[in-house]
């Protein structure tokens, strides 16, 4: 998986809007790492460790 940061000037007003992402993975360490990485990129992240949560 590759993440590229856009320059601030190309983000415009949308950079202030939080985008929501749901991470579902039974590997709690991986899910938590993804949550941290995505939150650093200004995503609102919800994590579930199985399909029932």
N, C-alpha and C. Protein backbone atom coordinates (compact mmCIF):
# COMPACT_ATOMS: atom_id res chain seq x y z
N UNK A 1 0.85 -1.17 0.00
CA UNK A 1 0.00 0.00 0.00
C UNK A 1 0.89 1.23 0.00
N UNK A 2 0.55 2.19 -0.81
CA UNK A 2 1.37 3.39 -0.95
C UNK A 2 0.53 4.62 -0.67
N UNK A 3 1.04 5.52 0.14
CA UNK A 3 0.37 6.78 0.44
C UNK A 3 1.25 7.91 -0.06
N UNK A 4 0.65 8.86 -0.74
CA UNK A 4 1.39 10.03 -1.19
C UNK A 4 0.72 11.28 -0.64
N UNK A 5 1.51 12.14 -0.07
CA UNK A 5 1.00 13.39 0.49
C UNK A 5 0.92 14.43 -0.62
N UNK A 6 -0.23 15.10 -0.70
CA UNK A 6 -0.39 16.18 -1.66
C UNK A 6 0.11 17.48 -1.05
N UNK A 7 0.69 18.35 -1.88
CA UNK A 7 1.09 19.67 -1.36
C UNK A 7 -0.13 20.41 -0.81
N UNK A 8 0.07 21.20 0.23
CA UNK A 8 -1.02 21.92 0.87
C UNK A 8 -1.83 22.76 -0.10
N UNK A 9 -1.16 23.38 -1.06
CA UNK A 9 -1.89 24.27 -1.97
C UNK A 9 -2.83 23.52 -2.90
N UNK A 10 -2.62 22.22 -3.12
CA UNK A 10 -3.52 21.47 -4.00
C UNK A 10 -4.69 20.86 -3.24
N UNK A 11 -4.63 20.87 -1.93
CA UNK A 11 -5.71 20.29 -1.13
C UNK A 11 -6.93 21.18 -1.09
N UNK A 12 -6.74 22.48 -1.08
CA UNK A 12 -7.86 23.42 -1.06
C UNK A 12 -8.72 23.28 0.17
N UNK A 13 -9.98 23.70 0.05
CA UNK A 13 -10.90 23.69 1.18
C UNK A 13 -11.25 22.27 1.62
N UNK A 14 -11.13 21.30 0.72
CA UNK A 14 -11.48 19.92 1.07
C UNK A 14 -10.58 19.34 2.15
N UNK A 15 -9.39 19.89 2.34
CA UNK A 15 -8.48 19.34 3.34
C UNK A 15 -9.03 19.50 4.75
N UNK A 16 -9.95 20.42 4.95
CA UNK A 16 -10.53 20.62 6.28
C UNK A 16 -11.68 19.65 6.56
N UNK A 17 -12.17 18.98 5.52
CA UNK A 17 -13.26 18.02 5.68
C UNK A 17 -12.67 16.66 6.04
N UNK A 18 -13.21 16.03 7.08
CA UNK A 18 -12.76 14.70 7.43
C UNK A 18 -13.49 13.67 6.59
N UNK A 19 -12.77 12.75 6.04
CA UNK A 19 -13.34 11.63 5.31
C UNK A 19 -13.36 10.44 6.25
N UNK A 20 -14.44 9.68 6.24
CA UNK A 20 -14.58 8.54 7.15
C UNK A 20 -14.15 7.25 6.46
N UNK A 21 -13.46 6.42 7.22
CA UNK A 21 -13.01 5.11 6.73
C UNK A 21 -13.30 4.08 7.81
N UNK A 22 -13.79 2.92 7.39
CA UNK A 22 -13.99 1.79 8.30
C UNK A 22 -12.90 0.77 8.00
N UNK A 23 -12.10 0.44 9.01
CA UNK A 23 -11.06 -0.58 8.89
C UNK A 23 -11.57 -1.82 9.61
N UNK A 24 -11.66 -2.95 8.89
CA UNK A 24 -12.08 -4.21 9.49
C UNK A 24 -10.97 -5.22 9.28
N UNK A 25 -10.39 -5.70 10.38
CA UNK A 25 -9.33 -6.69 10.30
C UNK A 25 -9.25 -7.42 11.62
N UNK A 26 -9.10 -8.75 11.58
CA UNK A 26 -9.01 -9.50 12.83
C UNK A 26 -7.63 -9.41 13.47
N UNK A 27 -6.67 -8.86 12.76
CA UNK A 27 -5.34 -8.61 13.33
C UNK A 27 -5.38 -7.23 14.00
N UNK A 28 -5.49 -7.23 15.32
CA UNK A 28 -5.68 -5.98 16.05
C UNK A 28 -4.50 -5.04 15.91
N UNK A 29 -3.29 -5.57 15.85
CA UNK A 29 -2.11 -4.71 15.69
C UNK A 29 -2.13 -4.01 14.34
N UNK A 30 -2.46 -4.74 13.29
CA UNK A 30 -2.52 -4.16 11.95
C UNK A 30 -3.63 -3.12 11.86
N UNK A 31 -4.80 -3.44 12.40
CA UNK A 31 -5.93 -2.50 12.36
C UNK A 31 -5.59 -1.22 13.12
N UNK A 32 -4.94 -1.36 14.26
CA UNK A 32 -4.56 -0.18 15.04
C UNK A 32 -3.52 0.66 14.32
N UNK A 33 -2.57 0.00 13.66
CA UNK A 33 -1.55 0.72 12.89
C UNK A 33 -2.20 1.49 11.74
N UNK A 34 -3.12 0.84 11.03
CA UNK A 34 -3.83 1.52 9.94
C UNK A 34 -4.64 2.69 10.46
N UNK A 35 -5.26 2.51 11.61
CA UNK A 35 -6.03 3.60 12.21
C UNK A 35 -5.13 4.80 12.49
N UNK A 36 -3.97 4.56 13.05
CA UNK A 36 -3.04 5.63 13.39
C UNK A 36 -2.55 6.34 12.12
N UNK A 37 -2.15 5.55 11.11
CA UNK A 37 -1.65 6.13 9.86
C UNK A 37 -2.72 6.98 9.18
N UNK A 38 -3.93 6.45 9.09
CA UNK A 38 -5.01 7.18 8.42
C UNK A 38 -5.43 8.41 9.21
N UNK A 39 -5.43 8.33 10.52
CA UNK A 39 -5.77 9.50 11.35
C UNK A 39 -4.73 10.61 11.15
N UNK A 40 -3.47 10.23 11.00
CA UNK A 40 -2.43 11.22 10.73
C UNK A 40 -2.67 11.93 9.39
N UNK A 41 -3.35 11.26 8.48
CA UNK A 41 -3.67 11.84 7.17
C UNK A 41 -5.05 12.50 7.18
N UNK A 42 -5.58 12.75 8.37
CA UNK A 42 -6.83 13.48 8.57
C UNK A 42 -8.07 12.72 8.13
N UNK A 43 -8.06 11.40 8.31
CA UNK A 43 -9.26 10.60 8.09
C UNK A 43 -9.89 10.31 9.44
N UNK A 44 -11.20 10.24 9.47
CA UNK A 44 -11.94 9.80 10.64
C UNK A 44 -12.05 8.29 10.52
N UNK A 45 -11.41 7.55 11.42
CA UNK A 45 -11.27 6.10 11.27
C UNK A 45 -12.05 5.38 12.36
N UNK A 46 -12.87 4.43 11.91
CA UNK A 46 -13.58 3.53 12.82
C UNK A 46 -13.00 2.14 12.59
N UNK A 47 -12.74 1.40 13.67
CA UNK A 47 -12.09 0.10 13.56
C UNK A 47 -13.01 -0.98 14.11
N UNK A 48 -13.09 -2.09 13.38
CA UNK A 48 -13.80 -3.28 13.85
C UNK A 48 -12.85 -4.47 13.66
N UNK A 49 -12.90 -5.40 14.60
CA UNK A 49 -11.99 -6.55 14.54
C UNK A 49 -12.67 -7.80 14.01
N UNK A 50 -13.97 -7.70 13.70
CA UNK A 50 -14.68 -8.79 13.03
C UNK A 50 -15.92 -8.21 12.35
N UNK A 51 -16.61 -9.02 11.59
CA UNK A 51 -17.76 -8.54 10.84
C UNK A 51 -18.98 -8.26 11.68
N UNK A 52 -18.96 -8.65 12.94
CA UNK A 52 -20.13 -8.45 13.81
C UNK A 52 -20.09 -7.13 14.56
N UNK A 53 -18.94 -6.50 14.66
CA UNK A 53 -18.82 -5.25 15.43
C UNK A 53 -19.51 -4.10 14.75
